[in-house]
Structures are given as C-alpha cells and as structure tokens.
Amino acid sequence: MFHEYKKSLNIFIWILVILVSMFGGVTIVSAESADTSVEIAITKDIYIDQSKSCMSPNGTMACLFFGGGPYKRVIDGVNAASPGDRLNIMPGVYSEQITIDKAIELTAPNGNVTIGQ
C-alpha cells in the first residue's frame, strides 16, 4: 500500500512540475524518482524602465492603478533580485554606479543600454 502511495505522490509531483513550467519562470534543477524529491528554482523577471513613473514600482512590466510597475533605477532591480532572477532593462543611459554581488541575468530585450556613464 505504501508503494502505491509513493507512486501516486511521484506522479503528482511530476504533474505539478509540468503545469508550473508551462507558465514560464521555472527551471527544473534536479529530480529524483527514487525518493520522490524534486528541486525547482523559480526565476523572477524584474523590469527596469527609466521612462516610466509608476506610483509604487515593484519590478513588474507595467504601471497599474493599484500599484506596481518597473523600477526607474537598475540598482533597485538588483536589490530586489534573488540569485537566478532576470533583470530586463529597457533602452537608455542609466547614470548610476552599481555593484552586483549575486548571480543574476541582465538583459536589454528592446535596445541598447548603458549603465554607469
């Protein structure tokens, strides 16, 4: 009976992993069927756009009436990021000095970005 429970749990975990990964932002780091353990690293997309003036930015893509929106400064995105997160920096010159002390990805998906000029 325990074997059937363990098998069902293993199937449930894999279905959960597949469903979560369909919605993006998830990378399967490792999976072991012997002990039904699965490690998942959830990455977060953080947006930086100096041309937007949102009331309470939190790194989301768009300004919304109830809050949220991209950060104006790269350093704010770096401070909000966890290891493995991706900073999507919109085109422009960001005149700031930053130090990055964690493994994050910096991308410029829509054009040229200069930081620290």
Protein backbone atom coordinates (compact mmCIF):
# COMPACT_ATOMS: atom_id res chain seq x y z
CA MET A 1 0.00 0.00 0.00
CA PHE A 2 2.83 2.42 0.82
CA HIS A 3 4.39 1.69 -2.58
CA GLU A 4 1.16 2.74 -4.34
CA TYR A 5 1.01 5.94 -2.27
CA LYS A 6 4.62 6.75 -3.11
CA LYS A 7 3.97 6.10 -6.81
CA SER A 8 0.90 8.38 -6.75
CA LEU A 9 2.88 11.08 -4.97
CA ASN A 10 5.64 10.83 -7.56
CA ILE A 11 3.13 11.19 -10.41
CA PHE A 12 1.51 14.16 -8.65
CA ILE A 13 4.88 15.89 -8.25
CA TRP A 14 5.70 15.45 -11.94
CA ILE A 15 2.28 16.76 -13.00
CA LEU A 16 2.80 19.77 -10.73
CA VAL A 17 6.26 20.41 -12.21
CA ILE A 18 4.88 20.20 -15.76
CA LEU A 19 1.96 22.55 -15.01
CA VAL A 20 4.13 25.11 -13.27
CA SER A 21 6.77 25.03 -16.01
CA MET A 22 4.10 25.66 -18.67
CA PHE A 23 3.60 29.14 -17.25
CA GLY A 24 7.28 30.11 -17.50
CA GLY A 25 9.80 31.26 -15.00
CA VAL A 26 10.57 27.79 -13.72
CA THR A 27 13.67 25.72 -14.26
CA ILE A 28 13.90 22.15 -13.07
CA VAL A 29 17.21 21.85 -11.28
CA SER A 30 17.04 18.18 -10.37
CA ALA A 31 14.51 15.40 -9.95
CA GLU A 32 14.94 12.02 -8.38
CA SER A 33 12.23 9.40 -8.65
CA ALA A 34 13.80 7.08 -6.07
CA ASP A 35 12.90 9.26 -3.10
CA THR A 36 10.33 11.48 -4.92
CA SER A 37 12.30 14.66 -4.26
CA VAL A 38 12.18 17.45 -6.79
CA GLU A 39 14.09 20.71 -6.57
CA ILE A 40 12.71 23.65 -8.51
CA ALA A 41 14.34 27.04 -8.98
CA ILE A 42 11.74 29.70 -9.69
CA THR A 43 13.17 32.65 -11.56
CA LYS A 44 11.59 36.07 -11.47
CA ASP A 45 11.56 38.63 -14.27
CA ILE A 46 12.22 42.13 -12.96
CA TYR A 47 11.72 45.16 -15.22
CA ILE A 48 13.62 48.46 -15.21
CA ASP A 49 12.46 51.40 -17.31
CA GLN A 50 13.63 54.92 -16.55
CA SER A 51 10.97 56.41 -18.82
CA LYS A 52 8.09 55.17 -16.62
CA SER A 53 6.92 56.96 -13.49
CA CYS A 54 4.83 54.47 -11.54
CA MET A 55 3.38 55.33 -8.15
CA SER A 56 4.80 52.31 -6.31
CA PRO A 57 7.16 50.34 -8.58
CA ASN A 58 7.82 46.71 -7.72
CA GLY A 59 9.60 45.47 -10.84
CA THR A 60 6.57 44.34 -12.83
CA MET A 61 6.29 45.17 -16.52
CA ALA A 62 3.51 47.77 -16.45
CA CYS A 63 2.26 50.53 -14.17
CA LEU A 64 -1.10 49.59 -12.73
CA PHE A 65 -3.69 51.72 -10.97
CA PHE A 66 -3.35 49.77 -7.70
CA GLY A 67 0.48 49.76 -7.70
CA GLY A 68 3.37 48.05 -9.37
CA GLY A 69 5.42 48.80 -12.42
CA PRO A 70 9.05 48.81 -13.49
CA TYR A 71 11.80 50.27 -11.36
CA LYS A 72 13.38 53.50 -12.65
CA ARG A 73 16.91 52.60 -11.48
CA VAL A 74 18.95 49.46 -12.15
CA ILE A 75 20.17 49.36 -8.55
CA ASP A 76 16.57 49.00 -7.32
CA GLY A 77 16.14 45.95 -9.56
CA VAL A 78 19.45 44.49 -8.39
CA ASN A 79 18.46 44.98 -4.75
CA ALA A 80 15.08 43.32 -5.33
CA ALA A 81 16.56 40.37 -7.25
CA SER A 82 17.38 36.95 -5.87
CA PRO A 83 20.05 34.68 -7.36
CA GLY A 84 18.84 33.37 -10.72
CA ASP A 85 16.44 36.27 -11.43
CA ARG A 86 16.46 38.15 -14.74
CA LEU A 87 16.59 41.96 -14.98
CA ASN A 88 15.01 43.23 -18.19
CA ILE A 89 16.41 46.72 -18.68
CA MET A 90 14.67 48.99 -21.18
CA PRO A 91 16.78 51.13 -23.56
CA GLY A 92 18.57 54.16 -22.23
CA VAL A 93 21.53 55.51 -20.31
CA TYR A 94 21.37 54.72 -16.60
CA SER A 95 23.83 57.09 -14.87
CA GLU A 96 24.45 55.09 -11.73
CA GLN A 97 27.23 53.05 -10.21
CA ILE A 98 26.21 49.52 -9.23
CA THR A 99 27.86 46.51 -7.69
CA ILE A 100 26.31 43.12 -8.31
CA ASP A 101 27.12 40.51 -5.69
CA LYS A 102 24.73 37.74 -6.75
CA ALA A 103 24.20 35.57 -9.80
CA ILE A 104 21.53 37.40 -11.81
CA GLU A 105 20.96 37.84 -15.54
CA LEU A 106 20.94 41.31 -17.10
CA THR A 107 19.19 41.63 -20.45
CA ALA A 108 18.37 44.51 -22.77
CA PRO A 109 15.49 43.00 -24.77
CA ASN A 110 14.46 46.16 -26.63
CA GLY A 111 17.64 48.03 -27.48
CA ASN A 112 20.91 49.46 -26.21
CA VAL A 113 21.52 50.04 -22.50
CA THR A 114 24.41 51.89 -20.90
CA ILE A 115 24.96 51.69 -17.15
CA GLY A 116 27.39 53.86 -15.20
CA GLN A 117 28.20 56.67 -17.58
